C-alpha atoms as a PDB file:
ATOM      1  CA  UNK A   1      29.744  21.562  43.288  1.00  0.00           C
ATOM      2  CA  UNK A   2      28.147  23.932  40.743  1.00  0.00           C
ATOM      3  CA  UNK A   3      29.766  22.025  37.883  1.00  0.00           C
ATOM      4  CA  UNK A   4      28.262  18.765  39.166  1.00  0.00           C
ATOM      5  CA  UNK A   5      24.780  20.289  39.315  1.00  0.00           C
ATOM      6  CA  UNK A   6      25.146  21.747  35.821  1.00  0.00           C
ATOM      7  CA  UNK A   7      26.292  18.379  34.439  1.00  0.00           C
ATOM      8  CA  UNK A   8      23.338  16.622  36.086  1.00  0.00           C
ATOM      9  CA  UNK A   9      20.843  19.153  34.763  1.00  0.00           C
ATOM     10  CA  UNK A  10      22.313  18.859  31.262  1.00  0.00           C
ATOM     11  CA  UNK A  11      22.021  15.062  31.394  1.00  0.00           C
ATOM     12  CA  UNK A  12      18.367  15.247  32.513  1.00  0.00           C
ATOM     13  CA  UNK A  13      17.452  17.694  29.737  1.00  0.00           C
ATOM     14  CA  UNK A  14      19.239  15.528  27.151  1.00  0.00           C
ATOM     15  CA  UNK A  15      17.456  12.357  28.272  1.00  0.00           C
ATOM     16  CA  UNK A  16      14.086  14.107  28.245  1.00  0.00           C
ATOM     17  CA  UNK A  17      14.692  15.436  24.723  1.00  0.00           C
ATOM     18  CA  UNK A  18      15.618  11.922  23.561  1.00  0.00           C
ATOM     19  CA  UNK A  19      12.413  10.533  25.094  1.00  0.00           C
ATOM     20  CA  UNK A  20      10.251  13.128  23.344  1.00  0.00           C
ATOM     21  CA  UNK A  21      12.047  12.488  20.063  1.00  0.00           C
ATOM     22  CA  UNK A  22      11.450   8.736  20.285  1.00  0.00           C
ATOM     23  CA  UNK A  23       7.752   9.253  21.026  1.00  0.00           C
ATOM     24  CA  UNK A  24       7.340  11.577  18.051  1.00  0.00           C
ATOM     25  CA  UNK A  25       9.132   9.125  15.765  1.00  0.00           C
ATOM     26  CA  UNK A  26       6.933   6.260  16.997  1.00  0.00           C
ATOM     27  CA  UNK A  27       3.735   8.236  16.365  1.00  0.00           C
ATOM     28  CA  UNK A  28       4.908   9.206  12.886  1.00  0.00           C
ATOM     29  CA  UNK A  29       5.385   5.526  12.008  1.00  0.00           C
ATOM     30  CA  UNK A  30       2.097   4.493  13.694  1.00  0.00           C
ATOM     31  CA  UNK A  31      -0.474   7.269  13.213  1.00  0.00           C
ATOM     32  CA  UNK A  32      -3.223   5.421  15.127  1.00  0.00           C
ATOM     33  CA  UNK A  33      -1.115   4.961  18.278  1.00  0.00           C
ATOM     34  CA  UNK A  34      -2.823   6.664  21.179  1.00  0.00           C
ATOM     35  CA  UNK A  35      -6.082   7.247  19.321  1.00  0.00           C
ATOM     36  CA  UNK A  36      -9.065   6.364  21.456  1.00  0.00           C
ATOM     37  CA  UNK A  37     -12.062   7.298  19.386  1.00  0.00           C
ATOM     38  CA  UNK A  38     -14.596   6.860  22.201  1.00  0.00           C
ATOM     39  CA  UNK A  39     -12.757   9.282  24.480  1.00  0.00           C
ATOM     40  CA  UNK A  40     -12.828  12.527  22.552  1.00  0.00           C
ATOM     41  CA  UNK A  41     -11.779  11.735  18.995  1.00  0.00           C
ATOM     42  CA  UNK A  42     -15.316  11.125  17.667  1.00  0.00           C
ATOM     43  CA  UNK A  43     -14.951  13.489  14.694  1.00  0.00           C
ATOM     44  CA  UNK A  44     -11.743  11.765  13.657  1.00  0.00           C
ATOM     45  CA  UNK A  45     -13.495   8.385  13.923  1.00  0.00           C
ATOM     46  CA  UNK A  46     -16.381   9.597  11.765  1.00  0.00           C
ATOM     47  CA  UNK A  47     -13.896  10.805   9.136  1.00  0.00           C
ATOM     48  CA  UNK A  48     -12.206   7.410   9.287  1.00  0.00           C
ATOM     49  CA  UNK A  49     -15.449   5.451   8.967  1.00  0.00           C
ATOM     50  CA  UNK A  50     -17.261   7.774   6.573  1.00  0.00           C
ATOM     51  CA  UNK A  51     -20.923   8.514   7.125  1.00  0.00           C
ATOM     52  CA  UNK A  52     -21.378   6.795  10.490  1.00  0.00           C
ATOM     53  CA  UNK A  53     -22.839   3.505  11.587  1.00  0.00           C
ATOM     54  CA  UNK A  54     -25.645   1.589   9.908  1.00  0.00           C
ATOM     55  CA  UNK A  55     -28.620   0.581  12.061  1.00  0.00           C
ATOM     56  CA  UNK A  56     -27.612  -3.079  11.804  1.00  0.00           C
ATOM     57  CA  UNK A  57     -23.892  -3.811  11.621  1.00  0.00           C
ATOM     58  CA  UNK A  58     -22.965  -5.422   8.309  1.00  0.00           C
ATOM     59  CA  UNK A  59     -19.988  -7.787   7.988  1.00  0.00           C
ATOM     60  CA  UNK A  60     -18.047  -5.120   6.058  1.00  0.00           C
ATOM     61  CA  UNK A  61     -18.748  -2.508   8.746  1.00  0.00           C
ATOM     62  CA  UNK A  62     -17.887  -5.035  11.478  1.00  0.00           C
ATOM     63  CA  UNK A  63     -14.457  -5.609   9.923  1.00  0.00           C
ATOM     64  CA  UNK A  64     -13.958  -1.837   9.687  1.00  0.00           C
ATOM     65  CA  UNK A  65     -14.965  -1.297  13.335  1.00  0.00           C
ATOM     66  CA  UNK A  66     -12.588  -4.006  14.548  1.00  0.00           C
ATOM     67  CA  UNK A  67      -9.900  -3.113  12.009  1.00  0.00           C
ATOM     68  CA  UNK A  68      -9.728  -6.643  10.590  1.00  0.00           C
ATOM     69  CA  UNK A  69      -9.353  -8.078   7.108  1.00  0.00           C
ATOM     70  CA  UNK A  70     -11.569 -10.603   5.329  1.00  0.00           C
ATOM     71  CA  UNK A  71      -9.669 -13.677   6.512  1.00  0.00           C
ATOM     72  CA  UNK A  72      -9.575 -12.923  10.255  1.00  0.00           C
ATOM     73  CA  UNK A  73      -9.685 -15.992  12.478  1.00  0.00           C
ATOM     74  CA  UNK A  74     -12.086 -16.425  15.395  1.00  0.00           C
ATOM     75  CA  UNK A  75      -9.208 -15.966  17.858  1.00  0.00           C
ATOM     76  CA  UNK A  76      -8.047 -12.783  16.117  1.00  0.00           C
ATOM     77  CA  UNK A  77     -11.593 -11.394  16.269  1.00  0.00           C
ATOM     78  CA  UNK A  78     -11.818 -12.168  19.992  1.00  0.00           C
ATOM     79  CA  UNK A  79      -8.383 -10.706  20.736  1.00  0.00           C
ATOM     80  CA  UNK A  80      -9.118  -7.505  18.822  1.00  0.00           C
ATOM     81  CA  UNK A  81     -12.561  -7.181  20.407  1.00  0.00           C
ATOM     82  CA  UNK A  82     -11.099  -7.536  23.882  1.00  0.00           C
ATOM     83  CA  UNK A  83      -8.392  -4.923  23.242  1.00  0.00           C
ATOM     84  CA  UNK A  84     -10.944  -2.419  21.918  1.00  0.00           C
ATOM     85  CA  UNK A  85     -13.340  -3.038  24.806  1.00  0.00           C
ATOM     86  CA  UNK A  86     -10.606  -2.502  27.383  1.00  0.00           C
ATOM     87  CA  UNK A  87      -9.963   0.942  25.864  1.00  0.00           C
ATOM     88  CA  UNK A  88     -13.567   1.906  25.105  1.00  0.00           C
ATOM     89  CA  UNK A  89     -15.755   0.345  27.815  1.00  0.00           C
ATOM     90  CA  UNK A  90     -18.346   2.677  29.329  1.00  0.00           C
ATOM     91  CA  UNK A  91     -17.168   1.846  32.871  1.00  0.00           C
ATOM     92  CA  UNK A  92     -13.775   3.389  32.068  1.00  0.00           C
ATOM     93  CA  UNK A  93     -15.162   6.564  30.516  1.00  0.00           C
ATOM     94  CA  UNK A  94     -15.827   5.290  27.000  1.00  0.00           C
ATOM     95  CA  UNK A  95     -19.003   5.676  24.978  1.00  0.00           C
ATOM     96  CA  UNK A  96     -21.762   3.091  25.611  1.00  0.00           C
ATOM     97  CA  UNK A  97     -22.846   3.484  21.976  1.00  0.00           C
ATOM     98  CA  UNK A  98     -19.404   2.699  20.553  1.00  0.00           C
ATOM     99  CA  UNK A  99     -18.959  -0.178  23.025  1.00  0.00           C
ATOM    100  CA  UNK A 100     -22.291  -1.604  21.827  1.00  0.00           C
ATOM    101  CA  UNK A 101     -21.174  -1.305  18.195  1.00  0.00           C
ATOM    102  CA  UNK A 102     -17.886  -3.070  19.014  1.00  0.00           C
ATOM    103  CA  UNK A 103     -19.868  -5.902  20.620  1.00  0.00           C
ATOM    104  CA  UNK A 104     -22.235  -6.088  17.632  1.00  0.00           C
ATOM    105  CA  UNK A 105     -19.256  -6.217  15.266  1.00  0.00           C
ATOM    106  CA  UNK A 106     -17.813  -9.166  17.170  1.00  0.00           C
ATOM    107  CA  UNK A 107     -21.180 -10.958  17.137  1.00  0.00           C
ATOM    108  CA  UNK A 108     -21.606 -10.453  13.378  1.00  0.00           C
ATOM    109  CA  UNK A 109     -18.129 -11.754  12.547  1.00  0.00           C
ATOM    110  CA  UNK A 110     -18.254 -14.720  14.924  1.00  0.00           C
ATOM    111  CA  UNK A 111     -21.802 -15.574  13.888  1.00  0.00           C
ATOM    112  CA  UNK A 112     -23.746 -15.290  17.147  1.00  0.00           C
END
């Protein structure tokens, strides 16, 4: 009976270690995974962006906010905007200011 419990405990510890190892490897390959700038990583976001936001969002800043390149399609802009708003909306604990800037970025790139 004791051997069975020891084998089970060893298996659980091994599986947990494998899970942690896979998560670490995934984050090393994707450094932005799990980063939610509006929920506590504001200093990291400012370092990423530079000096902060302009009063009016420029097209270059809009692409930086949404993480898009010059040739982004309308659908890609909408899809990226939606994903960012799900993570950063004020109703889910995000920053109203950053949510507003995400919306402005979408409007600038789509041409509203």
